[in-house]
């Protein structure tokens, strides 16, 4: 827009603007209302967030555990290590049983204190399962190459190690908490 158009617009709306001063104390009343409104909303959001955070984390953990358990059981089909030989089928069964057992141990931990640790571990397990799916495809295309077989076994071992480490960490945290509670009661 050029300057002439702006001048024309302002001439047309002249006298239509509210130029009156507000009543005395208007600014303070407005700020008081604004401050009161913010504290009510913030307090409400904090209390709701505190209530739902542990519930959401527990629900997310349960859903992840169920998903991973089904994936492990589904991964127990004959397209993985079991397709190579009866011995490998036994090995795969051993690994899937061990992983399921460790997942059940994690599932028994319902305390919100450990949920972040559990969710992180389940995320890592999901990544390892995706890698295993790719290894199964590689096994079929490579003609049962030994390197792929070793990688699949290593993947199972990595999942078991991860789950066992998380269970140990939770046990250590529990033990430390119990020791702190005992020390505080003896003082």
C-alpha atoms as a PDB file:
ATOM      1  CA  UNK A   1       0.000   0.000   0.000  1.00  0.00           C
ATOM      2  CA  UNK A   2       1.256   3.465  -0.701  1.00  0.00           C
ATOM      3  CA  UNK A   3       1.090   6.407   1.672  1.00  0.00           C
ATOM      4  CA  UNK A   4      -1.924   8.038  -0.005  1.00  0.00           C
ATOM      5  CA  UNK A   5      -4.037   4.904   0.499  1.00  0.00           C
ATOM      6  CA  UNK A   6      -3.118   4.768   4.172  1.00  0.00           C
ATOM      7  CA  UNK A   7      -4.003   8.428   4.663  1.00  0.00           C
ATOM      8  CA  UNK A   8      -7.346   7.835   2.961  1.00  0.00           C
ATOM      9  CA  UNK A   9      -8.113   4.858   5.197  1.00  0.00           C
ATOM     10  CA  UNK A  10      -7.293   6.810   8.354  1.00  0.00           C
ATOM     11  CA  UNK A  11      -9.410   9.782   7.222  1.00  0.00           C
ATOM     12  CA  UNK A  12     -12.379   7.441   6.682  1.00  0.00           C
ATOM     13  CA  UNK A  13     -12.185   5.944  10.205  1.00  0.00           C
ATOM     14  CA  UNK A  14     -11.461   9.239  11.968  1.00  0.00           C
ATOM     15  CA  UNK A  15     -13.605   9.640  15.027  1.00  0.00           C
ATOM     16  CA  UNK A  16     -14.473   5.969  15.279  1.00  0.00           C
ATOM     17  CA  UNK A  17     -11.620   5.010  17.603  1.00  0.00           C
ATOM     18  CA  UNK A  18     -12.233   4.713  21.333  1.00  0.00           C
ATOM     19  CA  UNK A  19      -9.787   7.190  22.847  1.00  0.00           C
ATOM     20  CA  UNK A  20     -11.333   7.411  26.317  1.00  0.00           C
ATOM     21  CA  UNK A  21      -9.237   6.550  29.367  1.00  0.00           C
ATOM     22  CA  UNK A  22     -10.412   3.556  31.414  1.00  0.00           C
ATOM     23  CA  UNK A  23     -11.668   4.065  34.976  1.00  0.00           C
ATOM     24  CA  UNK A  24      -9.152   4.508  37.769  1.00  0.00           C
ATOM     25  CA  UNK A  25      -7.749   1.155  38.972  1.00  0.00           C
ATOM     26  CA  UNK A  26      -8.752  -0.645  35.774  1.00  0.00           C
ATOM     27  CA  UNK A  27      -5.213  -1.885  35.150  1.00  0.00           C
ATOM     28  CA  UNK A  28      -4.868  -3.314  38.669  1.00  0.00           C
ATOM     29  CA  UNK A  29      -8.279  -5.043  38.529  1.00  0.00           C
ATOM     30  CA  UNK A  30      -7.363  -6.549  35.176  1.00  0.00           C
ATOM     31  CA  UNK A  31      -4.002  -7.820  36.467  1.00  0.00           C
ATOM     32  CA  UNK A  32      -5.644  -9.272  39.578  1.00  0.00           C
ATOM     33  CA  UNK A  33      -8.173 -11.173  37.479  1.00  0.00           C
ATOM     34  CA  UNK A  34      -5.429 -12.390  35.171  1.00  0.00           C
ATOM     35  CA  UNK A  35      -3.225 -13.557  38.036  1.00  0.00           C
ATOM     36  CA  UNK A  36      -6.135 -15.286  39.763  1.00  0.00           C
ATOM     37  CA  UNK A  37      -7.117 -17.054  36.539  1.00  0.00           C
ATOM     38  CA  UNK A  38      -3.563 -18.323  35.934  1.00  0.00           C
ATOM     39  CA  UNK A  39      -3.150 -19.761  39.413  1.00  0.00           C
ATOM     40  CA  UNK A  40      -6.431 -21.655  39.207  1.00  0.00           C
ATOM     41  CA  UNK A  41      -5.615 -23.149  35.821  1.00  0.00           C
ATOM     42  CA  UNK A  42      -2.021 -24.045  36.713  1.00  0.00           C
ATOM     43  CA  UNK A  43      -3.033 -25.665  39.999  1.00  0.00           C
ATOM     44  CA  UNK A  44      -5.682 -27.721  38.229  1.00  0.00           C
ATOM     45  CA  UNK A  45      -3.288 -28.884  35.525  1.00  0.00           C
ATOM     46  CA  UNK A  46      -0.602 -29.861  38.027  1.00  0.00           C
ATOM     47  CA  UNK A  47      -2.961 -31.959  40.128  1.00  0.00           C
ATOM     48  CA  UNK A  48      -4.387 -33.739  37.098  1.00  0.00           C
ATOM     49  CA  UNK A  49      -0.904 -34.335  35.686  1.00  0.00           C
ATOM     50  CA  UNK A  50       0.360 -35.767  38.968  1.00  0.00           C
ATOM     51  CA  UNK A  51      -2.559 -38.165  39.115  1.00  0.00           C
ATOM     52  CA  UNK A  52      -2.381 -39.443  35.552  1.00  0.00           C
ATOM     53  CA  UNK A  53       1.389 -39.644  35.053  1.00  0.00           C
ATOM     54  CA  UNK A  54       1.910 -42.860  37.074  1.00  0.00           C
ATOM     55  CA  UNK A  55      -1.217 -44.416  35.619  1.00  0.00           C
ATOM     56  CA  UNK A  56      -0.128 -43.651  32.063  1.00  0.00           C
ATOM     57  CA  UNK A  57       3.376 -44.980  32.632  1.00  0.00           C
ATOM     58  CA  UNK A  58       2.072 -48.228  34.115  1.00  0.00           C
ATOM     59  CA  UNK A  59      -0.439 -48.652  31.305  1.00  0.00           C
ATOM     60  CA  UNK A  60       2.235 -47.970  28.702  1.00  0.00           C
ATOM     61  CA  UNK A  61       4.529 -50.526  30.298  1.00  0.00           C
ATOM     62  CA  UNK A  62       1.825 -53.175  30.367  1.00  0.00           C
ATOM     63  CA  UNK A  63       0.966 -52.536  26.714  1.00  0.00           C
ATOM     64  CA  UNK A  64       4.633 -52.718  25.708  1.00  0.00           C
ATOM     65  CA  UNK A  65       5.154 -55.908  27.702  1.00  0.00           C
ATOM     66  CA  UNK A  66       2.149 -57.536  26.086  1.00  0.00           C
ATOM     67  CA  UNK A  67       3.264 -56.440  22.635  1.00  0.00           C
ATOM     68  CA  UNK A  68       6.770 -57.742  23.160  1.00  0.00           C
ATOM     69  CA  UNK A  69       5.506 -60.997  24.682  1.00  0.00           C
ATOM     70  CA  UNK A  70       3.289 -61.616  21.679  1.00  0.00           C
ATOM     71  CA  UNK A  71       6.128 -60.715  19.340  1.00  0.00           C
ATOM     72  CA  UNK A  72       8.459 -63.165  21.094  1.00  0.00           C
ATOM     73  CA  UNK A  73       5.872 -65.911  20.992  1.00  0.00           C
ATOM     74  CA  UNK A  74       5.086 -65.117  17.368  1.00  0.00           C
ATOM     75  CA  UNK A  75       8.820 -65.089  16.655  1.00  0.00           C
ATOM     76  CA  UNK A  76       8.863 -68.693  17.795  1.00  0.00           C
ATOM     77  CA  UNK A  77       7.703 -69.852  14.354  1.00  0.00           C
ATOM     78  CA  UNK A  78       9.707 -72.015  11.984  1.00  0.00           C
ATOM     79  CA  UNK A  79      11.140 -69.176   9.901  1.00  0.00           C
ATOM     80  CA  UNK A  80      13.901 -68.303  12.355  1.00  0.00           C
ATOM     81  CA  UNK A  81      16.578 -70.516  13.827  1.00  0.00           C
ATOM     82  CA  UNK A  82      14.087 -73.381  14.034  1.00  0.00           C
ATOM     83  CA  UNK A  83      14.125 -73.713  10.243  1.00  0.00           C
ATOM     84  CA  UNK A  84      17.805 -74.705  10.242  1.00  0.00           C
ATOM     85  CA  UNK A  85      17.827 -77.841  12.366  1.00  0.00           C
ATOM     86  CA  UNK A  86      16.131 -79.505  15.341  1.00  0.00           C
ATOM     87  CA  UNK A  87      19.018 -78.360  17.560  1.00  0.00           C
ATOM     88  CA  UNK A  88      18.494 -74.762  16.482  1.00  0.00           C
ATOM     89  CA  UNK A  89      14.766 -75.151  17.122  1.00  0.00           C
ATOM     90  CA  UNK A  90      15.616 -76.194  20.679  1.00  0.00           C
ATOM     91  CA  UNK A  91      17.981 -73.234  21.004  1.00  0.00           C
ATOM     92  CA  UNK A  92      15.311 -70.838  19.770  1.00  0.00           C
ATOM     93  CA  UNK A  93      12.771 -72.303  22.205  1.00  0.00           C
ATOM     94  CA  UNK A  94      15.237 -71.880  25.070  1.00  0.00           C
ATOM     95  CA  UNK A  95      15.874 -68.249  24.186  1.00  0.00           C
ATOM     96  CA  UNK A  96      12.208 -67.354  23.733  1.00  0.00           C
ATOM     97  CA  UNK A  97      11.294 -69.046  27.028  1.00  0.00           C
ATOM     98  CA  UNK A  98      14.049 -67.176  28.852  1.00  0.00           C
ATOM     99  CA  UNK A  99      13.018 -63.857  27.306  1.00  0.00           C
ATOM    100  CA  UNK A 100       9.385 -64.474  28.240  1.00  0.00           C
ATOM    101  CA  UNK A 101      10.416 -65.272  31.827  1.00  0.00           C
ATOM    102  CA  UNK A 102      12.445 -62.057  32.076  1.00  0.00           C
ATOM    103  CA  UNK A 103       9.569 -60.046  30.586  1.00  0.00           C
ATOM    104  CA  UNK A 104       7.237 -61.501  33.217  1.00  0.00           C
ATOM    105  CA  UNK A 105       9.658 -60.375  35.928  1.00  0.00           C
ATOM    106  CA  UNK A 106       9.545 -56.848  34.525  1.00  0.00           C
ATOM    107  CA  UNK A 107       5.774 -57.021  34.246  1.00  0.00           C
ATOM    108  CA  UNK A 108       5.550 -57.767  37.965  1.00  0.00           C
ATOM    109  CA  UNK A 109       7.153 -54.399  38.749  1.00  0.00           C
ATOM    110  CA  UNK A 110       4.189 -52.061  39.004  1.00  0.00           C
ATOM    111  CA  UNK A 111       5.874 -49.302  40.962  1.00  0.00           C
ATOM    112  CA  UNK A 112       5.910 -45.958  39.130  1.00  0.00           C
ATOM    113  CA  UNK A 113       9.465 -45.419  40.374  1.00  0.00           C
ATOM    114  CA  UNK A 114      10.841 -47.960  37.926  1.00  0.00           C
ATOM    115  CA  UNK A 115       8.547 -47.337  34.965  1.00  0.00           C
ATOM    116  CA  UNK A 116      10.975 -45.089  33.092  1.00  0.00           C
ATOM    117  CA  UNK A 117      13.651 -47.765  33.344  1.00  0.00           C
ATOM    118  CA  UNK A 118      11.234 -50.472  32.206  1.00  0.00           C
ATOM    119  CA  UNK A 119       9.850 -48.439  29.299  1.00  0.00           C
ATOM    120  CA  UNK A 120      13.382 -47.687  28.101  1.00  0.00           C
ATOM    121  CA  UNK A 121      14.318 -51.367  28.275  1.00  0.00           C
ATOM    122  CA  UNK A 122      11.192 -52.365  26.373  1.00  0.00           C
ATOM    123  CA  UNK A 123      12.011 -49.824  23.697  1.00  0.00           C
ATOM    124  CA  UNK A 124      15.489 -51.350  23.347  1.00  0.00           C
ATOM    125  CA  UNK A 125      13.946 -54.828  23.151  1.00  0.00           C
ATOM    126  CA  UNK A 126      11.638 -53.642  20.388  1.00  0.00           C
ATOM    127  CA  UNK A 127      14.655 -52.404  18.414  1.00  0.00           C
ATOM    128  CA  UNK A 128      16.398 -55.758  18.871  1.00  0.00           C
ATOM    129  CA  UNK A 129      13.244 -57.559  17.709  1.00  0.00           C
ATOM    130  CA  UNK A 130      13.150 -55.437  14.564  1.00  0.00           C
ATOM    131  CA  UNK A 131      16.789 -56.336  13.948  1.00  0.00           C
ATOM    132  CA  UNK A 132      15.907 -60.005  14.414  1.00  0.00           C
ATOM    133  CA  UNK A 133      13.146 -59.741  11.814  1.00  0.00           C
ATOM    134  CA  UNK A 134      15.703 -58.373   9.374  1.00  0.00           C
ATOM    135  CA  UNK A 135      18.077 -61.204  10.257  1.00  0.00           C
ATOM    136  CA  UNK A 136      15.333 -63.733   9.494  1.00  0.00           C
ATOM    137  CA  UNK A 137      14.941 -62.199   6.056  1.00  0.00           C
ATOM    138  CA  UNK A 138      18.715 -62.270   5.597  1.00  0.00           C
ATOM    139  CA  UNK A 139      18.776 -65.925   6.620  1.00  0.00           C
ATOM    140  CA  UNK A 140      16.296 -66.818   3.908  1.00  0.00           C
ATOM    141  CA  UNK A 141      18.131 -64.851   1.216  1.00  0.00           C
ATOM    142  CA  UNK A 142      21.658 -65.908   2.208  1.00  0.00           C
ATOM    143  CA  UNK A 143      21.045 -69.636   2.098  1.00  0.00           C
ATOM    144  CA  UNK A 144      21.466 -70.099   5.862  1.00  0.00           C
ATOM    145  CA  UNK A 145      24.822 -68.355   6.128  1.00  0.00           C
ATOM    146  CA  UNK A 146      26.578 -69.108   9.432  1.00  0.00           C
ATOM    147  CA  UNK A 147      27.279 -65.422  10.083  1.00  0.00           C
ATOM    148  CA  UNK A 148      23.562 -64.689  10.015  1.00  0.00           C
ATOM    149  CA  UNK A 149      22.905 -67.631  12.348  1.00  0.00           C
ATOM    150  CA  UNK A 150      25.500 -66.319  14.810  1.00  0.00           C
ATOM    151  CA  UNK A 151      23.996 -62.840  14.560  1.00  0.00           C
ATOM    152  CA  UNK A 152      20.546 -64.261  15.357  1.00  0.00           C
ATOM    153  CA  UNK A 153      21.866 -66.105  18.408  1.00  0.00           C
ATOM    154  CA  UNK A 154      23.706 -62.976  19.495  1.00  0.00           C
ATOM    155  CA  UNK A 155      20.484 -60.985  19.128  1.00  0.00           C
ATOM    156  CA  UNK A 156      18.675 -63.398  21.451  1.00  0.00           C
ATOM    157  CA  UNK A 157      21.534 -63.165  23.953  1.00  0.00           C
ATOM    158  CA  UNK A 158      21.496 -59.358  23.785  1.00  0.00           C
ATOM    159  CA  UNK A 159      17.775 -59.304  24.587  1.00  0.00           C
ATOM    160  CA  UNK A 160      18.224 -61.641  27.533  1.00  0.00           C
ATOM    161  CA  UNK A 161      21.211 -59.658  28.839  1.00  0.00           C
ATOM    162  CA  UNK A 162      19.280 -56.407  28.549  1.00  0.00           C
ATOM    163  CA  UNK A 163      16.283 -57.764  30.439  1.00  0.00           C
ATOM    164  CA  UNK A 164      18.440 -59.346  33.135  1.00  0.00           C
ATOM    165  CA  UNK A 165      20.371 -56.082  33.599  1.00  0.00           C
ATOM    166  CA  UNK A 166      17.149 -54.124  34.042  1.00  0.00           C
ATOM    167  CA  UNK A 167      15.840 -56.634  36.590  1.00  0.00           C
ATOM    168  CA  UNK A 168      19.160 -56.403  38.470  1.00  0.00           C
ATOM    169  CA  UNK A 169      19.069 -52.596  38.393  1.00  0.00           C
ATOM    170  CA  UNK A 170      15.558 -52.598  39.820  1.00  0.00           C
ATOM    171  CA  UNK A 171      16.607 -55.048  42.535  1.00  0.00           C
ATOM    172  CA  UNK A 172      19.607 -52.842  43.374  1.00  0.00           C
ATOM    173  CA  UNK A 173      17.380 -49.758  43.555  1.00  0.00           C
ATOM    174  CA  UNK A 174      14.974 -51.593  45.848  1.00  0.00           C
ATOM    175  CA  UNK A 175      17.818 -52.743  48.084  1.00  0.00           C
ATOM    176  CA  UNK A 176      19.257 -49.224  48.266  1.00  0.00           C
ATOM    177  CA  UNK A 177      15.831 -47.821  49.122  1.00  0.00           C
ATOM    178  CA  UNK A 178      15.352 -50.454  51.853  1.00  0.00           C
ATOM    179  CA  UNK A 179      18.775 -49.665  53.313  1.00  0.00           C
ATOM    180  CA  UNK A 180      17.959 -45.961  53.341  1.00  0.00           C
ATOM    181  CA  UNK A 181      14.655 -46.652  55.066  1.00  0.00           C
ATOM    182  CA  UNK A 182      16.398 -48.819  57.672  1.00  0.00           C
ATOM    183  CA  UNK A 183      19.015 -46.135  58.286  1.00  0.00           C
ATOM    184  CA  UNK A 184      16.404 -43.426  58.688  1.00  0.00           C
ATOM    185  CA  UNK A 185      14.390 -45.499  61.178  1.00  0.00           C
ATOM    186  CA  UNK A 186      17.439 -46.307  63.332  1.00  0.00           C
ATOM    187  CA  UNK A 187      18.316 -42.614  63.666  1.00  0.00           C
END
